[in-house]
Amino acid sequence: MLKSSPMLEVSGLQASYGPAQVLFDIGFSIGAGEVVTLLGRNGMGKTTTVNTILGMVRPQGGTIRFEGRPIQGLPSYKVAQCGIGLVPEGRQIFPTLTVEENLIATAAARFGKPRWTLGAVYELFPRLAERRRNLGSQLSGGEQQMLAIGRALMTNPRLLVLDEATEGLAPLIRTEIWAVLTRLKAEHQAILVIDKNVDALLKFADRHVVVEKGRVAWSGTSAQLAADDSVKDRFLNV
């Protein structure tokens, strides 16, 4: 159940790449400790929505408020300083830095005693502890995804954003990533996630926002989405 004041509130969001408008009317909210997904087919505006929230795309209209503060149009580093951590599509780790250097590079504690330290990330992902001296380029795809999540957690975010959290990973690694995300949810970490695995998201997330051609086409709970085959057939190819 959402609180009266959402942690993140997006309303009427519009964005373009040059002359091409991509977002026309995106609106949704995330409460403290809530898990919300952005769903939809490729090219519908999910990643653009995330990039606009994070300050990598400048909005053309609408509002983005985080913990009551307007953040639309802020540069990315200021959005991060507000308490939003990103696990980007394609991981984008630093390939010439070691695992430990990747993690230290983003470490921050802006809100009191940090929950996420090197020790905490290594406890969450023991494989990273084993590989701490390896370069990012020497890791497997699954290990790189673990590192990308660990790097975002080292910013000690109030809201964790994951774009294609399990894309291209082996089944065992996907299972491990979902287990980690489920643990974070149990610890009341607010999460916004994009992923194609609708079955996993139905078990994991509280609410879903379906994006179609830059607009919100549907939103509702996991129970509502699971029961509505027309939404899955029309918008998700499930």
C-alpha atoms as a PDB file:
ATOM      1  CA  MET A   1       0.000   0.000   0.000  1.00  0.00           C
ATOM      2  CA  LEU A   2       1.411   3.359  -1.030  1.00  0.00           C
ATOM      3  CA  LYS A   3       1.913   6.000   1.612  1.00  0.00           C
ATOM      4  CA  SER A   4       0.345   9.416   1.103  1.00  0.00           C
ATOM      5  CA  SER A   5       3.709  10.810  -0.003  1.00  0.00           C
ATOM      6  CA  PRO A   6       5.412   8.472  -2.520  1.00  0.00           C
ATOM      7  CA  MET A   7       9.175   8.171  -2.574  1.00  0.00           C
ATOM      8  CA  LEU A   8       9.220   8.672  -6.352  1.00  0.00           C
ATOM      9  CA  GLU A   9       6.405  10.380  -8.231  1.00  0.00           C
ATOM     10  CA  VAL A  10       6.480  10.793 -12.013  1.00  0.00           C
ATOM     11  CA  SER A  11       3.690  12.750 -13.707  1.00  0.00           C
ATOM     12  CA  GLY A  12       3.043  13.642 -17.349  1.00  0.00           C
ATOM     13  CA  LEU A  13       6.643  12.902 -18.317  1.00  0.00           C
ATOM     14  CA  GLN A  14       7.666  13.752 -21.884  1.00  0.00           C
ATOM     15  CA  ALA A  15      11.077  13.315 -23.493  1.00  0.00           C
ATOM     16  CA  SER A  16      12.690  13.359 -26.931  1.00  0.00           C
ATOM     17  CA  TYR A  17      15.862  12.345 -28.704  1.00  0.00           C
ATOM     18  CA  GLY A  18      16.434  15.352 -30.926  1.00  0.00           C
ATOM     19  CA  PRO A  19      13.262  15.924 -32.972  1.00  0.00           C
ATOM     20  CA  ALA A  20      11.893  12.453 -32.216  1.00  0.00           C
ATOM     21  CA  GLN A  21       9.554  12.410 -29.227  1.00  0.00           C
ATOM     22  CA  VAL A  22       9.743   9.137 -27.312  1.00  0.00           C
ATOM     23  CA  LEU A  23       7.794   9.780 -24.103  1.00  0.00           C
ATOM     24  CA  PHE A  24       4.378  11.422 -24.314  1.00  0.00           C
ATOM     25  CA  ASP A  25       2.681  10.835 -20.966  1.00  0.00           C
ATOM     26  CA  ILE A  26       4.423   8.686 -18.361  1.00  0.00           C
ATOM     27  CA  GLY A  27       3.142   8.719 -14.815  1.00  0.00           C
ATOM     28  CA  PHE A  28       3.606   6.373 -11.863  1.00  0.00           C
ATOM     29  CA  SER A  29       4.767   6.358  -8.267  1.00  0.00           C
ATOM     30  CA  ILE A  30       6.841   4.197  -5.933  1.00  0.00           C
ATOM     31  CA  GLY A  31       6.399   4.071  -2.180  1.00  0.00           C
ATOM     32  CA  ALA A  32       9.144   3.463   0.376  1.00  0.00           C
ATOM     33  CA  GLY A  33      10.079  -0.221   0.344  1.00  0.00           C
ATOM     34  CA  GLU A  34       7.933  -0.948  -2.710  1.00  0.00           C
ATOM     35  CA  VAL A  35       8.949  -2.850  -5.853  1.00  0.00           C
ATOM     36  CA  VAL A  36       7.527  -1.534  -9.130  1.00  0.00           C
ATOM     37  CA  THR A  37       8.253  -2.701 -12.681  1.00  0.00           C
ATOM     38  CA  LEU A  38       8.225  -1.012 -16.062  1.00  0.00           C
ATOM     39  CA  LEU A  39       6.950  -3.523 -18.616  1.00  0.00           C
ATOM     40  CA  GLY A  40       6.423  -3.425 -22.362  1.00  0.00           C
ATOM     41  CA  ARG A  41       7.839  -4.533 -25.664  1.00  0.00           C
ATOM     42  CA  ASN A  42      11.197  -3.284 -26.921  1.00  0.00           C
ATOM     43  CA  GLY A  43      11.277   0.325 -28.084  1.00  0.00           C
ATOM     44  CA  MET A  44       8.214   1.446 -26.109  1.00  0.00           C
ATOM     45  CA  GLY A  45      10.080   3.900 -23.865  1.00  0.00           C
ATOM     46  CA  LYS A  46      11.020   1.971 -20.712  1.00  0.00           C
ATOM     47  CA  THR A  47      14.757   2.722 -20.776  1.00  0.00           C
ATOM     48  CA  THR A  48      14.102   6.305 -21.877  1.00  0.00           C
ATOM     49  CA  THR A  49      11.860   6.685 -18.831  1.00  0.00           C
ATOM     50  CA  VAL A  50      14.649   5.482 -16.562  1.00  0.00           C
ATOM     51  CA  ASN A  51      17.249   7.638 -18.309  1.00  0.00           C
ATOM     52  CA  THR A  52      15.024  10.694 -17.957  1.00  0.00           C
ATOM     53  CA  ILE A  53      14.484  10.058 -14.258  1.00  0.00           C
ATOM     54  CA  LEU A  54      18.243   9.635 -13.813  1.00  0.00           C
ATOM     55  CA  GLY A  55      19.049  12.879 -15.634  1.00  0.00           C
ATOM     56  CA  MET A  56      20.649  11.324 -18.719  1.00  0.00           C
ATOM     57  CA  VAL A  57      17.810  12.569 -20.946  1.00  0.00           C
ATOM     58  CA  ARG A  58      16.388  16.028 -20.371  1.00  0.00           C
ATOM     59  CA  PRO A  59      12.590  16.008 -19.974  1.00  0.00           C
ATOM     60  CA  GLN A  60      10.496  18.109 -22.333  1.00  0.00           C
ATOM     61  CA  GLY A  61       7.543  18.222 -19.956  1.00  0.00           C
ATOM     62  CA  GLY A  62       6.073  16.751 -16.810  1.00  0.00           C
ATOM     63  CA  THR A  63       7.455  16.422 -13.294  1.00  0.00           C
ATOM     64  CA  ILE A  64       9.682  14.020 -11.381  1.00  0.00           C
ATOM     65  CA  ARG A  65       9.675  14.280  -7.605  1.00  0.00           C
ATOM     66  CA  PHE A  66      11.875  12.246  -5.295  1.00  0.00           C
ATOM     67  CA  GLU A  67      11.043  12.343  -1.595  1.00  0.00           C
ATOM     68  CA  GLY A  68       9.040  15.486  -2.263  1.00  0.00           C
ATOM     69  CA  ARG A  69      11.803  17.295  -4.131  1.00  0.00           C
ATOM     70  CA  PRO A  70      11.544  18.102  -7.855  1.00  0.00           C
ATOM     71  CA  ILE A  71      14.489  16.501  -9.650  1.00  0.00           C
ATOM     72  CA  GLN A  72      13.530  16.776 -13.333  1.00  0.00           C
ATOM     73  CA  GLY A  73      16.343  18.338 -15.332  1.00  0.00           C
ATOM     74  CA  LEU A  74      19.008  17.792 -12.676  1.00  0.00           C
ATOM     75  CA  PRO A  75      22.336  16.370 -13.908  1.00  0.00           C
ATOM     76  CA  SER A  76      22.866  12.670 -13.258  1.00  0.00           C
ATOM     77  CA  TYR A  77      25.344  13.110 -10.438  1.00  0.00           C
ATOM     78  CA  LYS A  78      22.909  15.282  -8.504  1.00  0.00           C
ATOM     79  CA  VAL A  79      20.117  12.738  -9.009  1.00  0.00           C
ATOM     80  CA  ALA A  80      22.459  10.060  -7.645  1.00  0.00           C
ATOM     81  CA  GLN A  81      23.255  12.269  -4.672  1.00  0.00           C
ATOM     82  CA  CYS A  82      19.527  12.441  -3.902  1.00  0.00           C
ATOM     83  CA  GLY A  83      19.600   8.684  -3.305  1.00  0.00           C
ATOM     84  CA  ILE A  84      18.846   6.913  -6.594  1.00  0.00           C
ATOM     85  CA  GLY A  85      21.229   4.136  -7.673  1.00  0.00           C
ATOM     86  CA  LEU A  86      21.251   2.670 -11.186  1.00  0.00           C
ATOM     87  CA  VAL A  87      22.162  -0.765 -12.517  1.00  0.00           C
ATOM     88  CA  PRO A  88      22.278   0.197 -16.200  1.00  0.00           C
ATOM     89  CA  GLU A  89      21.403  -1.880 -19.217  1.00  0.00           C
ATOM     90  CA  GLY A  90      24.574  -3.578 -20.454  1.00  0.00           C
ATOM     91  CA  ARG A  91      26.176  -3.393 -16.951  1.00  0.00           C
ATOM     92  CA  GLN A  92      28.725  -0.705 -17.935  1.00  0.00           C
ATOM     93  CA  ILE A  93      31.298  -1.673 -15.333  1.00  0.00           C
ATOM     94  CA  PHE A  94      34.825  -0.276 -15.539  1.00  0.00           C
ATOM     95  CA  PRO A  95      36.715  -3.020 -17.436  1.00  0.00           C
ATOM     96  CA  THR A  96      40.241  -1.837 -16.527  1.00  0.00           C
ATOM     97  CA  LEU A  97      39.522  -1.595 -12.786  1.00  0.00           C
ATOM     98  CA  THR A  98      39.465  -4.518 -10.383  1.00  0.00           C
ATOM     99  CA  VAL A  99      36.242  -5.694  -8.803  1.00  0.00           C
ATOM    100  CA  GLU A 100      37.161  -3.917  -5.576  1.00  0.00           C
ATOM    101  CA  GLU A 101      38.121  -0.722  -7.388  1.00  0.00           C
ATOM    102  CA  ASN A 102      34.785  -0.777  -9.234  1.00  0.00           C
ATOM    103  CA  LEU A 103      32.970  -1.001  -5.911  1.00  0.00           C
ATOM    104  CA  ILE A 104      35.032   1.639  -4.133  1.00  0.00           C
ATOM    105  CA  ALA A 105      34.671   4.048  -7.063  1.00  0.00           C
ATOM    106  CA  THR A 106      30.963   4.580  -6.310  1.00  0.00           C
ATOM    107  CA  ALA A 107      30.989   4.226  -2.524  1.00  0.00           C
ATOM    108  CA  ALA A 108      28.976   6.874  -0.705  1.00  0.00           C
ATOM    109  CA  ALA A 109      27.270   7.321   2.645  1.00  0.00           C
ATOM    110  CA  ARG A 110      25.039  10.371   2.452  1.00  0.00           C
ATOM    111  CA  PHE A 111      22.331   9.318   4.878  1.00  0.00           C
ATOM    112  CA  GLY A 112      24.102   8.319   8.078  1.00  0.00           C
ATOM    113  CA  LYS A 113      25.772   4.975   8.744  1.00  0.00           C
ATOM    114  CA  PRO A 114      26.024   3.094   5.427  1.00  0.00           C
ATOM    115  CA  ARG A 115      24.135  -0.177   5.028  1.00  0.00           C
ATOM    116  CA  TRP A 116      26.294  -1.194   2.089  1.00  0.00           C
ATOM    117  CA  THR A 117      30.046  -1.569   2.556  1.00  0.00           C
ATOM    118  CA  LEU A 118      32.579  -3.793   0.817  1.00  0.00           C
ATOM    119  CA  GLY A 119      31.992  -6.469   3.423  1.00  0.00           C
ATOM    120  CA  ALA A 120      28.216  -6.331   2.991  1.00  0.00           C
ATOM    121  CA  VAL A 121      28.446  -6.549  -0.812  1.00  0.00           C
ATOM    122  CA  TYR A 122      30.888  -9.454  -0.585  1.00  0.00           C
ATOM    123  CA  GLU A 123      28.513 -11.228   1.808  1.00  0.00           C
ATOM    124  CA  LEU A 124      25.678 -10.700  -0.681  1.00  0.00           C
ATOM    125  CA  PHE A 125      27.825 -11.856  -3.613  1.00  0.00           C
ATOM    126  CA  PRO A 126      30.549 -14.246  -2.345  1.00  0.00           C
ATOM    127  CA  ARG A 127      31.779 -14.708  -5.917  1.00  0.00           C
ATOM    128  CA  LEU A 128      32.815 -11.052  -6.026  1.00  0.00           C
ATOM    129  CA  ALA A 129      34.882 -11.558  -2.900  1.00  0.00           C
ATOM    130  CA  GLU A 130      36.670 -14.429  -4.620  1.00  0.00           C
ATOM    131  CA  ARG A 131      37.295 -12.259  -7.698  1.00  0.00           C
ATOM    132  CA  ARG A 132      38.053  -8.992  -5.923  1.00  0.00           C
ATOM    133  CA  ARG A 133      41.505  -8.651  -7.510  1.00  0.00           C
ATOM    134  CA  ASN A 134      40.339  -9.509 -11.026  1.00  0.00           C
ATOM    135  CA  LEU A 135      39.733  -6.818 -13.611  1.00  0.00           C
ATOM    136  CA  GLY A 136      36.181  -6.153 -14.704  1.00  0.00           C
ATOM    137  CA  SER A 137      37.069  -7.403 -18.189  1.00  0.00           C
ATOM    138  CA  GLN A 138      38.057 -10.784 -16.729  1.00  0.00           C
ATOM    139  CA  LEU A 139      34.612 -11.506 -15.274  1.00  0.00           C
ATOM    140  CA  SER A 140      31.860 -13.583 -16.812  1.00  0.00           C
ATOM    141  CA  GLY A 141      28.611 -11.901 -17.811  1.00  0.00           C
ATOM    142  CA  GLY A 142      26.922 -13.073 -14.633  1.00  0.00           C
ATOM    143  CA  GLU A 143      29.772 -11.841 -12.466  1.00  0.00           C
ATOM    144  CA  GLN A 144      29.671  -8.494 -14.233  1.00  0.00           C
ATOM    145  CA  GLN A 145      25.963  -8.207 -13.437  1.00  0.00           C
ATOM    146  CA  MET A 146      26.664  -8.990  -9.795  1.00  0.00           C
ATOM    147  CA  LEU A 147      29.323  -6.292  -9.847  1.00  0.00           C
ATOM    148  CA  ALA A 148      26.952  -3.800 -11.451  1.00  0.00           C
ATOM    149  CA  ILE A 149      24.388  -4.445  -8.697  1.00  0.00           C
ATOM    150  CA  GLY A 150      27.048  -4.284  -5.997  1.00  0.00           C
ATOM    151  CA  ARG A 151      28.400  -1.025  -7.422  1.00  0.00           C
ATOM    152  CA  ALA A 152      24.906   0.528  -7.314  1.00  0.00           C
ATOM    153  CA  LEU A 153      24.378  -0.683  -3.742  1.00  0.00           C
ATOM    154  CA  MET A 154      27.679   0.923  -2.702  1.00  0.00           C
ATOM    155  CA  THR A 155      26.026   4.296  -3.330  1.00  0.00           C
ATOM    156  CA  ASN A 156      23.636   3.297  -0.508  1.00  0.00           C
ATOM    157  CA  PRO A 157      20.563   4.235  -2.548  1.00  0.00           C
ATOM    158  CA  ARG A 158      17.108   4.867  -1.173  1.00  0.00           C
ATOM    159  CA  LEU A 159      15.760   3.731  -4.570  1.00  0.00           C
ATOM    160  CA  LEU A 160      17.526   1.053  -6.630  1.00  0.00           C
ATOM    161  CA  VAL A 161      16.812   1.104 -10.387  1.00  0.00           C
ATOM    162  CA  LEU A 162      17.646  -1.944 -12.527  1.00  0.00           C
ATOM    163  CA  ASP A 163      17.410  -1.855 -16.318  1.00  0.00           C
ATOM    164  CA  GLU A 164      17.267  -5.406 -17.764  1.00  0.00           C
ATOM    165  CA  ALA A 165      18.381  -7.025 -14.544  1.00  0.00           C
ATOM    166  CA  THR A 166      18.752 -10.572 -15.927  1.00  0.00           C
ATOM    167  CA  GLU A 167      19.150  -9.994 -19.680  1.00  0.00           C
ATOM    168  CA  GLY A 168      21.401 -12.560 -21.357  1.00  0.00           C
ATOM    169  CA  LEU A 169      22.313 -14.436 -18.179  1.00  0.00           C
ATOM    170  CA  ALA A 170      22.493 -18.193 -17.738  1.00  0.00           C
ATOM    171  CA  PRO A 171      19.515 -19.724 -15.879  1.00  0.00           C
ATOM    172  CA  LEU A 172      21.484 -20.454 -12.692  1.00  0.00           C
ATOM    173  CA  ILE A 173      22.809 -16.899 -12.564  1.00  0.00           C
ATOM    174  CA  ARG A 174      19.323 -15.490 -13.184  1.00  0.00           C
ATOM    175  CA  THR A 175      18.044 -17.539 -10.245  1.00  0.00           C
ATOM    176  CA  GLU A 176      20.819 -16.147  -8.046  1.00  0.00           C
ATOM    177  CA  ILE A 177      20.074 -12.562  -9.101  1.00  0.00           C
ATOM    178  CA  TRP A 178      16.356 -12.972  -8.367  1.00  0.00           C
ATOM    179  CA  ALA A 179      17.210 -14.426  -4.959  1.00  0.00           C
ATOM    180  CA  VAL A 180      19.377 -11.391  -4.193  1.00  0.00           C
ATOM    181  CA  LEU A 181      16.673  -8.972  -5.318  1.00  0.00           C
ATOM    182  CA  THR A 182      14.091 -10.835  -3.221  1.00  0.00           C
ATOM    183  CA  ARG A 183      16.374 -10.447  -0.204  1.00  0.00           C
ATOM    184  CA  LEU A 184      16.714  -6.716  -0.880  1.00  0.00           C
ATOM    185  CA  LYS A 185      12.932  -6.428  -1.061  1.00  0.00           C
ATOM    186  CA  ALA A 186      12.616  -8.233   2.274  1.00  0.00           C
ATOM    187  CA  GLU A 187      14.984  -5.619   3.711  1.00  0.00           C
ATOM    188  CA  HIS A 188      12.569  -2.910   2.483  1.00  0.00           C
ATOM    189  CA  GLN A 189      14.741  -1.626  -0.353  1.00  0.00           C
ATOM    190  CA  ALA A 190      12.612   0.356  -2.811  1.00  0.00           C
ATOM    191  CA  ILE A 191      13.204  -0.974  -6.341  1.00  0.00           C
ATOM    192  CA  LEU A 192      12.236   0.029  -9.870  1.00  0.00           C
ATOM    193  CA  VAL A 193      13.009  -2.767 -12.332  1.00  0.00           C
ATOM    194  CA  ILE A 194      12.841  -3.394 -16.069  1.00  0.00           C
ATOM    195  CA  ASP A 195      13.036  -7.038 -17.104  1.00  0.00           C
ATOM    196  CA  LYS A 196      11.479  -9.323 -19.704  1.00  0.00           C
ATOM    197  CA  ASN A 197      10.868 -12.223 -17.306  1.00  0.00           C
ATOM    198  CA  VAL A 198       7.226 -11.489 -16.515  1.00  0.00           C
ATOM    199  CA  ASP A 199       6.725 -14.728 -14.567  1.00  0.00           C
ATOM    200  CA  ALA A 200       9.553 -13.841 -12.186  1.00  0.00           C
ATOM    201  CA  LEU A 201       8.350 -10.255 -11.883  1.00  0.00           C
ATOM    202  CA  LEU A 202       4.828 -11.380 -10.979  1.00  0.00           C
ATOM    203  CA  LYS A 203       6.268 -13.217  -7.982  1.00  0.00           C
ATOM    204  CA  PHE A 204       8.704 -10.448  -7.051  1.00  0.00           C
ATOM    205  CA  ALA A 205       7.068  -7.070  -7.627  1.00  0.00           C
ATOM    206  CA  ASP A 206       4.213  -5.280  -5.891  1.00  0.00           C
ATOM    207  CA  ARG A 207       2.958  -3.294  -8.869  1.00  0.00           C
ATOM    208  CA  HIS A 208       3.516  -3.041 -12.615  1.00  0.00           C
ATOM    209  CA  VAL A 209       3.415  -0.186 -15.109  1.00  0.00           C
ATOM    210  CA  VAL A 210       2.995  -1.168 -18.772  1.00  0.00           C
ATOM    211  CA  VAL A 211       4.495   1.293 -21.256  1.00  0.00           C
ATOM    212  CA  GLU A 212       3.231   1.414 -24.850  1.00  0.00           C
ATOM    213  CA  LYS A 213       4.534   3.970 -27.348  1.00  0.00           C
ATOM    214  CA  GLY A 214       5.677   6.374 -24.679  1.00  0.00           C
ATOM    215  CA  ARG A 215       2.505   6.281 -22.609  1.00  0.00           C
ATOM    216  CA  VAL A 216       1.266   4.273 -19.654  1.00  0.00           C
ATOM    217  CA  ALA A 217      -1.121   1.735 -21.137  1.00  0.00           C
ATOM    218  CA  TRP A 218      -1.946  -0.152 -17.935  1.00  0.00           C
ATOM    219  CA  SER A 219      -0.933  -0.302 -14.291  1.00  0.00           C
ATOM    220  CA  GLY A 220      -1.898  -2.565 -11.449  1.00  0.00           C
ATOM    221  CA  THR A 221      -0.813  -5.173  -8.920  1.00  0.00           C
ATOM    222  CA  SER A 222       0.778  -8.544  -9.594  1.00  0.00           C
ATOM    223  CA  ALA A 223      -2.532 -10.250  -8.836  1.00  0.00           C
ATOM    224  CA  GLN A 224      -4.343  -8.026 -11.330  1.00  0.00           C
ATOM    225  CA  LEU A 225      -1.754  -8.591 -14.064  1.00  0.00           C
ATOM    226  CA  ALA A 226      -1.660 -12.356 -13.502  1.00  0.00           C
ATOM    227  CA  ALA A 227      -5.438 -12.469 -13.936  1.00  0.00           C
ATOM    228  CA  ASP A 228      -5.571 -10.274 -17.053  1.00  0.00           C
ATOM    229  CA  ASP A 229      -4.490 -12.289 -20.081  1.00  0.00           C
ATOM    230  CA  SER A 230      -5.587  -9.492 -22.428  1.00  0.00           C
ATOM    231  CA  VAL A 231      -2.906  -7.158 -21.066  1.00  0.00           C
ATOM    232  CA  LYS A 232      -0.217  -9.812 -21.383  1.00  0.00           C
ATOM    233  CA  ASP A 233      -1.297 -10.712 -24.916  1.00  0.00           C
ATOM    234  CA  ARG A 234      -1.679  -7.142 -26.148  1.00  0.00           C
ATOM    235  CA  PHE A 235       1.314  -5.403 -24.576  1.00  0.00           C
ATOM    236  CA  LEU A 236       3.804  -8.030 -23.408  1.00  0.00           C
ATOM    237  CA  ASN A 237       3.756 -10.873 -25.950  1.00  0.00           C
ATOM    238  CA  VAL A 238       3.422 -13.330 -23.058  1.00  0.00           C
END
